[in-house]
Amino acid sequence: MKYTIILSSNADIDMYRLEFHIRNTLNAPYTASDYIERLRMTVQKLVFLADSIGFNPYIQYMFGKNARHIVYKKMSIVYVVRGNIVYIKRVIPSSMIH
């Protein structure tokens, strides 16, 4: 099955803040652009892989019983699948997941 990806406003803000932090606080503009591009590529993998990723009890506790996550480096992309839609709920540090 092929899914359509929808990014929530919270996930969009999460990615903006991450890019801003890398670009300005860490003073690494090239790294920021590259990191966000690869993060977005990971999100796009969900077009084909969304339902094959298992559940994590902590993610479900925090974001609802159907929530799942995929990891890119130190960030977790939290999403839910509804029909043929993948809703990206948040992009959070993986260290927040227990």
C-alpha atoms as a PDB file:
ATOM      1  CA  MET A   1       0.000   0.000   0.000  1.00  0.00           C
ATOM      2  CA  LYS A   2       1.158   3.523  -0.761  1.00  0.00           C
ATOM      3  CA  TYR A   3       0.384   6.197   1.835  1.00  0.00           C
ATOM      4  CA  THR A   4      -0.072   9.949   1.654  1.00  0.00           C
ATOM      5  CA  ILE A   5       1.987  11.896   4.193  1.00  0.00           C
ATOM      6  CA  ILE A   6       0.453  14.821   6.101  1.00  0.00           C
ATOM      7  CA  LEU A   7       2.636  16.859   8.426  1.00  0.00           C
ATOM      8  CA  SER A   8       0.896  18.357  11.446  1.00  0.00           C
ATOM      9  CA  SER A   9       1.602  21.959  12.363  1.00  0.00           C
ATOM     10  CA  ASN A  10       3.361  20.683  15.522  1.00  0.00           C
ATOM     11  CA  ALA A  11       5.679  18.466  13.464  1.00  0.00           C
ATOM     12  CA  ASP A  12       6.364  21.345  11.071  1.00  0.00           C
ATOM     13  CA  ILE A  13       7.250  23.611  14.004  1.00  0.00           C
ATOM     14  CA  ASP A  14       9.430  20.858  15.517  1.00  0.00           C
ATOM     15  CA  MET A  15      11.434  20.624  12.306  1.00  0.00           C
ATOM     16  CA  TYR A  16      11.694  24.389  11.972  1.00  0.00           C
ATOM     17  CA  ARG A  17      13.010  24.702  15.537  1.00  0.00           C
ATOM     18  CA  LEU A  18      15.486  21.874  14.979  1.00  0.00           C
ATOM     19  CA  GLU A  19      16.817  23.481  11.822  1.00  0.00           C
ATOM     20  CA  PHE A  20      16.986  26.891  13.520  1.00  0.00           C
ATOM     21  CA  HIS A  21      18.920  25.415  16.454  1.00  0.00           C
ATOM     22  CA  ILE A  22      21.461  23.656  14.248  1.00  0.00           C
ATOM     23  CA  ARG A  23      21.809  26.633  11.901  1.00  0.00           C
ATOM     24  CA  ASN A  24      22.016  29.439  14.467  1.00  0.00           C
ATOM     25  CA  THR A  25      22.863  28.076  17.898  1.00  0.00           C
ATOM     26  CA  LEU A  26      25.392  25.550  16.621  1.00  0.00           C
ATOM     27  CA  ASN A  27      26.387  27.887  13.764  1.00  0.00           C
ATOM     28  CA  ALA A  28      26.229  25.081  11.206  1.00  0.00           C
ATOM     29  CA  PRO A  29      24.031  26.151   8.267  1.00  0.00           C
ATOM     30  CA  TYR A  30      25.185  23.411   5.873  1.00  0.00           C
ATOM     31  CA  THR A  31      24.658  20.736   8.516  1.00  0.00           C
ATOM     32  CA  ALA A  32      21.204  22.137   9.282  1.00  0.00           C
ATOM     33  CA  SER A  33      20.092  21.961   5.656  1.00  0.00           C
ATOM     34  CA  ASP A  34      21.531  18.478   5.182  1.00  0.00           C
ATOM     35  CA  TYR A  35      20.054  17.154   8.433  1.00  0.00           C
ATOM     36  CA  ILE A  36      16.556  18.438   7.686  1.00  0.00           C
ATOM     37  CA  GLU A  37      16.714  17.128   4.118  1.00  0.00           C
ATOM     38  CA  ARG A  38      17.638  13.649   5.364  1.00  0.00           C
ATOM     39  CA  LEU A  39      14.981  13.848   8.068  1.00  0.00           C
ATOM     40  CA  ARG A  40      12.409  14.633   5.375  1.00  0.00           C
ATOM     41  CA  MET A  41      13.701  11.688   3.323  1.00  0.00           C
ATOM     42  CA  THR A  42      13.065   9.451   6.346  1.00  0.00           C
ATOM     43  CA  VAL A  43       9.523  10.809   6.548  1.00  0.00           C
ATOM     44  CA  GLN A  44       9.048  10.006   2.846  1.00  0.00           C
ATOM     45  CA  LYS A  45      10.046   6.372   3.475  1.00  0.00           C
ATOM     46  CA  LEU A  46       6.776   6.076   5.364  1.00  0.00           C
ATOM     47  CA  VAL A  47       4.950   6.308   2.027  1.00  0.00           C
ATOM     48  CA  PHE A  48       5.730   2.588   1.676  1.00  0.00           C
ATOM     49  CA  LEU A  49       6.773   1.474   5.185  1.00  0.00           C
ATOM     50  CA  ALA A  50       4.289   3.080   7.572  1.00  0.00           C
ATOM     51  CA  ASP A  51       2.348  -0.038   8.540  1.00  0.00           C
ATOM     52  CA  SER A  52       5.415  -2.278   8.807  1.00  0.00           C
ATOM     53  CA  ILE A  53       6.871  -0.467  11.811  1.00  0.00           C
ATOM     54  CA  GLY A  54       5.965  -1.910  15.194  1.00  0.00           C
ATOM     55  CA  PHE A  55       4.394  -0.179  18.148  1.00  0.00           C
ATOM     56  CA  ASN A  56       6.240   1.199  21.177  1.00  0.00           C
ATOM     57  CA  PRO A  57       4.272   1.257  24.454  1.00  0.00           C
ATOM     58  CA  TYR A  58       5.759   4.592  25.534  1.00  0.00           C
ATOM     59  CA  ILE A  59       4.913   6.251  22.202  1.00  0.00           C
ATOM     60  CA  GLN A  60       1.388   4.879  22.479  1.00  0.00           C
ATOM     61  CA  TYR A  61       1.110   6.172  26.044  1.00  0.00           C
ATOM     62  CA  MET A  62       2.242   9.654  24.996  1.00  0.00           C
ATOM     63  CA  PHE A  63       0.499   9.966  21.613  1.00  0.00           C
ATOM     64  CA  GLY A  64      -2.366   7.453  21.537  1.00  0.00           C
ATOM     65  CA  LYS A  65      -2.843   3.739  20.973  1.00  0.00           C
ATOM     66  CA  ASN A  66      -2.176   3.835  17.222  1.00  0.00           C
ATOM     67  CA  ALA A  67       0.982   5.961  17.405  1.00  0.00           C
ATOM     68  CA  ARG A  68       4.250   4.639  16.004  1.00  0.00           C
ATOM     69  CA  HIS A  69       7.665   6.137  15.384  1.00  0.00           C
ATOM     70  CA  ILE A  70      10.602   5.899  13.034  1.00  0.00           C
ATOM     71  CA  VAL A  71      14.064   7.174  13.953  1.00  0.00           C
ATOM     72  CA  TYR A  72      16.483   9.336  12.022  1.00  0.00           C
ATOM     73  CA  LYS A  73      19.756   9.733  13.908  1.00  0.00           C
ATOM     74  CA  LYS A  74      18.720  11.179  17.283  1.00  0.00           C
ATOM     75  CA  MET A  75      15.209  12.238  16.294  1.00  0.00           C
ATOM     76  CA  SER A  76      11.971  10.241  16.406  1.00  0.00           C
ATOM     77  CA  ILE A  77       9.232  10.905  13.893  1.00  0.00           C
ATOM     78  CA  VAL A  78       5.944  10.110  15.631  1.00  0.00           C
ATOM     79  CA  TYR A  79       3.014   9.248  13.396  1.00  0.00           C
ATOM     80  CA  VAL A  80      -0.331   7.489  13.130  1.00  0.00           C
ATOM     81  CA  VAL A  81      -1.829   5.662  10.175  1.00  0.00           C
ATOM     82  CA  ARG A  82      -5.485   6.235   9.309  1.00  0.00           C
ATOM     83  CA  GLY A  83      -6.587   4.486   6.154  1.00  0.00           C
ATOM     84  CA  ASN A  84      -4.088   5.468   3.495  1.00  0.00           C
ATOM     85  CA  ILE A  85      -2.946   8.614   5.337  1.00  0.00           C
ATOM     86  CA  VAL A  86       0.135   8.904   7.537  1.00  0.00           C
ATOM     87  CA  TYR A  87      -0.202  11.805   9.957  1.00  0.00           C
ATOM     88  CA  ILE A  88       3.152  13.002  11.260  1.00  0.00           C
ATOM     89  CA  LYS A  89       2.310  14.197  14.757  1.00  0.00           C
ATOM     90  CA  ARG A  90       5.692  15.271  16.141  1.00  0.00           C
ATOM     91  CA  VAL A  91       9.432  15.187  15.547  1.00  0.00           C
ATOM     92  CA  ILE A  92      11.047  14.799  18.959  1.00  0.00           C
ATOM     93  CA  PRO A  93      14.455  13.818  20.363  1.00  0.00           C
ATOM     94  CA  SER A  94      14.690  10.048  20.673  1.00  0.00           C
ATOM     95  CA  SER A  95      16.044  10.550  24.180  1.00  0.00           C
ATOM     96  CA  MET A  96      12.475  11.437  25.221  1.00  0.00           C
ATOM     97  CA  ILE A  97      11.351   7.873  24.440  1.00  0.00           C
ATOM     98  CA  HIS A  98      11.806   5.290  27.148  1.00  0.00           C
END
